[in-house]
Amino acid sequence: MKKIKNWNEIPEFETENEEREFWETHSISPDLADDFDRPAQGPMARKMREARAMVPNLDEDTFRRLIELSVVESVDPRDLITRFIADGLREEEKRAGLTNHR
């Protein structure tokens, strides 16, 4: 795996797939990770910011797990959030006896 030692080594990505393929073969060097002043960019970063806006009170560990699962399932994190909310609502409606209305 190639270690990125300078922010200029990271290209501008056109698509999420292009970004994903790049990060499958590259990683940030420890020295560069310590200097993490640069905001994330590209399609995946935009989706992460939008997902974070949907769940601003979610703790960092849970949010990280959400993002990791969205990458593994190749699904937009916002769609995963929506799915989890819908699934949770259905379960709570069942417990409350409100399933007749749906």
N, C-alpha and C. Protein backbone atom coordinates (compact mmCIF):
# COMPACT_ATOMS: atom_id res chain seq x y z
N MET A 1 0.85 -1.17 0.00
CA MET A 1 0.00 0.00 0.00
C MET A 1 0.89 1.24 0.00
N LYS A 2 0.60 2.16 -0.88
CA LYS A 2 1.40 3.37 -0.99
C LYS A 2 0.98 4.37 0.08
N LYS A 3 1.97 4.91 0.80
CA LYS A 3 1.73 5.91 1.84
C LYS A 3 1.76 7.30 1.22
N ILE A 4 0.72 8.07 1.47
CA ILE A 4 0.65 9.45 1.01
C ILE A 4 1.38 10.31 2.03
N LYS A 5 2.39 11.06 1.57
CA LYS A 5 3.21 11.87 2.47
C LYS A 5 2.96 13.37 2.32
N ASN A 6 2.17 13.72 1.29
CA ASN A 6 1.89 15.13 1.03
C ASN A 6 0.46 15.24 0.51
N TRP A 7 -0.27 16.24 0.96
CA TRP A 7 -1.67 16.39 0.54
C TRP A 7 -1.80 16.53 -0.98
N ASN A 8 -0.77 17.05 -1.64
CA ASN A 8 -0.82 17.23 -3.10
C ASN A 8 -0.82 15.90 -3.85
N GLU A 9 -0.49 14.81 -3.18
CA GLU A 9 -0.49 13.49 -3.82
C GLU A 9 -1.89 12.92 -3.98
N ILE A 10 -2.88 13.54 -3.34
CA ILE A 10 -4.25 13.05 -3.42
C ILE A 10 -4.95 13.76 -4.57
N PRO A 11 -5.40 13.01 -5.57
CA PRO A 11 -6.03 13.64 -6.74
C PRO A 11 -7.45 14.12 -6.42
N GLU A 12 -7.99 14.93 -7.31
CA GLU A 12 -9.41 15.31 -7.24
C GLU A 12 -10.19 14.15 -7.87
N PHE A 13 -11.13 13.60 -7.14
CA PHE A 13 -11.88 12.45 -7.62
C PHE A 13 -13.15 12.91 -8.33
N GLU A 14 -13.44 12.27 -9.44
CA GLU A 14 -14.66 12.57 -10.19
C GLU A 14 -15.85 11.79 -9.66
N THR A 15 -15.58 10.55 -9.21
CA THR A 15 -16.67 9.69 -8.76
C THR A 15 -16.29 9.03 -7.44
N GLU A 16 -17.28 8.52 -6.76
CA GLU A 16 -17.05 7.81 -5.51
C GLU A 16 -16.26 6.53 -5.77
N ASN A 17 -16.54 5.84 -6.87
CA ASN A 17 -15.80 4.62 -7.21
C ASN A 17 -14.32 4.91 -7.43
N GLU A 18 -14.05 6.00 -8.12
CA GLU A 18 -12.66 6.39 -8.36
C GLU A 18 -11.96 6.66 -7.03
N GLU A 19 -12.65 7.34 -6.12
CA GLU A 19 -12.08 7.62 -4.80
C GLU A 19 -11.85 6.33 -4.01
N ARG A 20 -12.83 5.44 -4.05
CA ARG A 20 -12.73 4.17 -3.33
C ARG A 20 -11.55 3.35 -3.85
N GLU A 21 -11.41 3.27 -5.18
CA GLU A 21 -10.30 2.51 -5.77
C GLU A 21 -8.95 3.08 -5.36
N PHE A 22 -8.86 4.41 -5.31
CA PHE A 22 -7.61 5.04 -4.90
C PHE A 22 -7.25 4.64 -3.48
N TRP A 23 -8.22 4.72 -2.54
CA TRP A 23 -7.94 4.45 -1.13
C TRP A 23 -7.76 2.97 -0.83
N GLU A 24 -8.12 2.11 -1.78
CA GLU A 24 -7.85 0.68 -1.61
C GLU A 24 -6.36 0.39 -1.75
N THR A 25 -5.63 1.28 -2.41
CA THR A 25 -4.20 1.06 -2.64
C THR A 25 -3.31 2.14 -2.01
N HIS A 26 -3.91 3.11 -1.34
CA HIS A 26 -3.16 4.21 -0.73
C HIS A 26 -3.63 4.43 0.71
N SER A 27 -2.75 4.98 1.53
CA SER A 27 -3.13 5.38 2.88
C SER A 27 -2.33 6.62 3.27
N ILE A 28 -2.81 7.31 4.28
CA ILE A 28 -2.13 8.51 4.76
C ILE A 28 -0.98 8.10 5.68
N SER A 29 0.18 8.70 5.49
CA SER A 29 1.32 8.41 6.36
C SER A 29 1.03 8.94 7.76
N PRO A 30 1.62 8.34 8.78
CA PRO A 30 1.38 8.81 10.15
C PRO A 30 1.72 10.29 10.34
N ASP A 31 2.82 10.75 9.73
CA ASP A 31 3.20 12.16 9.85
C ASP A 31 2.14 13.08 9.25
N LEU A 32 1.61 12.69 8.12
CA LEU A 32 0.59 13.52 7.48
C LEU A 32 -0.72 13.47 8.26
N ALA A 33 -1.02 12.33 8.83
CA ALA A 33 -2.24 12.20 9.64
C ALA A 33 -2.20 13.13 10.85
N ASP A 34 -1.01 13.36 11.39
CA ASP A 34 -0.87 14.29 12.52
C ASP A 34 -1.12 15.73 12.11
N ASP A 35 -0.99 16.02 10.83
CA ASP A 35 -1.19 17.36 10.30
C ASP A 35 -2.49 17.39 9.51
N PHE A 36 -3.57 17.06 10.17
CA PHE A 36 -4.85 16.88 9.48
C PHE A 36 -5.69 18.15 9.49
N ASP A 37 -5.09 19.26 9.02
CA ASP A 37 -5.82 20.53 8.96
C ASP A 37 -6.65 20.65 7.70
N ARG A 38 -6.34 19.87 6.71
CA ARG A 38 -7.01 19.96 5.41
C ARG A 38 -8.39 19.30 5.49
N PRO A 39 -9.45 20.01 5.10
CA PRO A 39 -10.77 19.38 5.11
C PRO A 39 -10.87 18.31 4.03
N ALA A 40 -11.60 17.25 4.34
CA ALA A 40 -11.80 16.18 3.35
C ALA A 40 -12.54 16.72 2.14
N GLN A 41 -12.23 16.16 0.98
CA GLN A 41 -12.82 16.61 -0.27
C GLN A 41 -13.28 15.40 -1.07
N GLY A 42 -14.01 15.65 -2.14
CA GLY A 42 -14.43 14.58 -3.05
C GLY A 42 -15.82 14.09 -2.76
N PRO A 43 -16.32 13.19 -3.60
CA PRO A 43 -17.70 12.71 -3.47
C PRO A 43 -17.99 12.05 -2.13
N MET A 44 -17.08 11.21 -1.64
CA MET A 44 -17.31 10.52 -0.38
C MET A 44 -17.34 11.52 0.78
N ALA A 45 -16.45 12.48 0.76
CA ALA A 45 -16.41 13.48 1.83
C ALA A 45 -17.70 14.29 1.87
N ARG A 46 -18.23 14.64 0.70
CA ARG A 46 -19.50 15.38 0.66
C ARG A 46 -20.62 14.54 1.26
N LYS A 47 -20.66 13.26 0.92
CA LYS A 47 -21.70 12.38 1.47
C LYS A 47 -21.57 12.26 2.98
N MET A 48 -20.33 12.20 3.47
CA MET A 48 -20.12 12.09 4.91
C MET A 48 -20.60 13.36 5.61
N ARG A 49 -20.31 14.53 5.03
CA ARG A 49 -20.77 15.79 5.64
C ARG A 49 -22.30 15.84 5.64
N GLU A 50 -22.92 15.40 4.55
CA GLU A 50 -24.37 15.40 4.47
C GLU A 50 -24.97 14.40 5.46
N ALA A 51 -24.33 13.24 5.61
CA ALA A 51 -24.80 12.25 6.57
C ALA A 51 -24.66 12.79 7.99
N ARG A 52 -23.55 13.45 8.28
CA ARG A 52 -23.34 14.03 9.61
C ARG A 52 -24.41 15.08 9.91
N ALA A 53 -24.81 15.84 8.91
CA ALA A 53 -25.85 16.85 9.10
C ALA A 53 -27.19 16.21 9.45
N MET A 54 -27.43 14.99 8.96
CA MET A 54 -28.68 14.29 9.25
C MET A 54 -28.74 13.81 10.69
N VAL A 55 -27.60 13.51 11.28
CA VAL A 55 -27.54 12.97 12.64
C VAL A 55 -26.47 13.71 13.45
N PRO A 56 -26.67 15.01 13.69
CA PRO A 56 -25.61 15.80 14.33
C PRO A 56 -25.28 15.36 15.75
N ASN A 57 -26.20 14.72 16.45
CA ASN A 57 -25.94 14.34 17.84
C ASN A 57 -25.40 12.92 17.99
N LEU A 58 -25.14 12.25 16.89
CA LEU A 58 -24.60 10.90 16.95
C LEU A 58 -23.15 10.95 17.40
N ASP A 59 -22.78 10.10 18.36
CA ASP A 59 -21.40 10.11 18.85
C ASP A 59 -20.46 9.65 17.73
N GLU A 60 -19.19 10.02 17.86
CA GLU A 60 -18.20 9.77 16.80
C GLU A 60 -18.01 8.29 16.49
N ASP A 61 -18.00 7.44 17.51
CA ASP A 61 -17.80 6.02 17.28
C ASP A 61 -18.97 5.43 16.48
N THR A 62 -20.18 5.78 16.84
CA THR A 62 -21.35 5.28 16.12
C THR A 62 -21.36 5.80 14.69
N PHE A 63 -20.99 7.07 14.51
CA PHE A 63 -20.95 7.64 13.16
C PHE A 63 -19.89 6.92 12.32
N ARG A 64 -18.73 6.65 12.90
CA ARG A 64 -17.67 5.93 12.18
C ARG A 64 -18.17 4.56 11.75
N ARG A 65 -18.88 3.86 12.66
CA ARG A 65 -19.42 2.54 12.34
C ARG A 65 -20.43 2.64 11.20
N LEU A 66 -21.25 3.67 11.22
CA LEU A 66 -22.22 3.89 10.15
C LEU A 66 -21.52 4.07 8.80
N ILE A 67 -20.48 4.88 8.79
CA ILE A 67 -19.74 5.12 7.54
C ILE A 67 -19.05 3.85 7.07
N GLU A 68 -18.43 3.11 7.97
CA GLU A 68 -17.77 1.85 7.59
C GLU A 68 -18.77 0.87 6.99
N LEU A 69 -19.94 0.75 7.62
CA LEU A 69 -20.96 -0.16 7.09
C LEU A 69 -21.46 0.30 5.73
N SER A 70 -21.61 1.61 5.55
CA SER A 70 -22.07 2.11 4.25
C SER A 70 -21.05 1.80 3.15
N VAL A 71 -19.76 1.84 3.49
CA VAL A 71 -18.72 1.51 2.51
C VAL A 71 -18.76 0.02 2.18
N VAL A 72 -18.87 -0.82 3.22
CA VAL A 72 -18.91 -2.27 3.02
C VAL A 72 -20.12 -2.66 2.17
N GLU A 73 -21.27 -2.03 2.42
CA GLU A 73 -22.49 -2.36 1.69
C GLU A 73 -22.63 -1.58 0.38
N SER A 74 -21.66 -0.71 0.10
CA SER A 74 -21.70 0.14 -1.11
C SER A 74 -23.02 0.89 -1.22
N VAL A 75 -23.41 1.51 -0.13
CA VAL A 75 -24.65 2.28 -0.09
C VAL A 75 -24.33 3.67 0.46
N ASP A 76 -25.04 4.66 -0.02
CA ASP A 76 -24.87 6.02 0.47
C ASP A 76 -25.19 6.05 1.96
N PRO A 77 -24.35 6.69 2.79
CA PRO A 77 -24.63 6.72 4.22
C PRO A 77 -25.99 7.34 4.55
N ARG A 78 -26.42 8.30 3.74
CA ARG A 78 -27.74 8.91 3.98
C ARG A 78 -28.85 7.90 3.79
N ASP A 79 -28.71 7.02 2.80
CA ASP A 79 -29.71 5.97 2.57
C ASP A 79 -29.71 4.97 3.72
N LEU A 80 -28.53 4.69 4.25
CA LEU A 80 -28.43 3.77 5.38
C LEU A 80 -29.12 4.37 6.62
N ILE A 81 -28.91 5.65 6.86
CA ILE A 81 -29.57 6.33 7.98
C ILE A 81 -31.08 6.26 7.81
N THR A 82 -31.56 6.55 6.62
CA THR A 82 -33.00 6.52 6.35
C THR A 82 -33.55 5.12 6.58
N ARG A 83 -32.82 4.10 6.12
CA ARG A 83 -33.26 2.72 6.31
C ARG A 83 -33.33 2.35 7.79
N PHE A 84 -32.31 2.74 8.55
CA PHE A 84 -32.30 2.44 9.98
C PHE A 84 -33.45 3.12 10.70
N ILE A 85 -33.73 4.36 10.35
CA ILE A 85 -34.84 5.08 10.98
C ILE A 85 -36.16 4.40 10.66
N ALA A 86 -36.38 4.05 9.38
CA ALA A 86 -37.62 3.39 8.98
C ALA A 86 -37.78 2.04 9.68
N ASP A 87 -36.70 1.26 9.74
CA ASP A 87 -36.75 -0.04 10.43
C ASP A 87 -37.06 0.13 11.91
N GLY A 88 -36.42 1.10 12.54
CA GLY A 88 -36.65 1.35 13.95
C GLY A 88 -38.07 1.80 14.23
N LEU A 89 -38.61 2.66 13.37
CA LEU A 89 -39.99 3.10 13.53
C LEU A 89 -40.97 1.94 13.42
N ARG A 90 -40.75 1.06 12.44
CA ARG A 90 -41.62 -0.11 12.30
C ARG A 90 -41.61 -0.97 13.56
N GLU A 91 -40.42 -1.20 14.11
CA GLU A 91 -40.31 -2.01 15.33
C GLU A 91 -41.03 -1.34 16.50
N GLU A 92 -40.83 -0.03 16.66
CA GLU A 92 -41.48 0.67 17.77
C GLU A 92 -42.99 0.72 17.58
N GLU A 93 -43.46 0.85 16.33
CA GLU A 93 -44.90 0.83 16.06
C GLU A 93 -45.49 -0.53 16.41
N LYS A 94 -44.76 -1.60 16.12
CA LYS A 94 -45.23 -2.94 16.49
C LYS A 94 -45.37 -3.05 18.00
N ARG A 95 -44.35 -2.60 18.73
CA ARG A 95 -44.39 -2.66 20.19
C ARG A 95 -45.53 -1.83 20.77
N ALA A 96 -45.84 -0.72 20.11
CA ALA A 96 -46.90 0.17 20.60
C ALA A 96 -48.28 -0.26 20.10
N GLY A 97 -48.33 -1.32 19.29
CA GLY A 97 -49.61 -1.78 18.77
C GLY A 97 -50.19 -0.92 17.66
N LEU A 98 -49.33 -0.23 16.95
CA LEU A 98 -49.78 0.66 15.88
C LEU A 98 -49.62 0.07 14.50
N THR A 99 -49.40 -1.23 14.41
CA THR A 99 -49.15 -1.86 13.10
C THR A 99 -50.41 -1.89 12.24
N ASN A 100 -51.58 -1.77 12.82
CA ASN A 100 -52.83 -1.80 12.02
C ASN A 100 -52.92 -0.59 11.10
N HIS A 101 -52.26 0.48 11.46
CA HIS A 101 -52.37 1.74 10.71
C HIS A 101 -51.41 1.82 9.54
N ARG A 102 -50.55 0.87 9.39
CA ARG A 102 -49.52 0.96 8.33
C ARG A 102 -49.77 -0.08 7.26
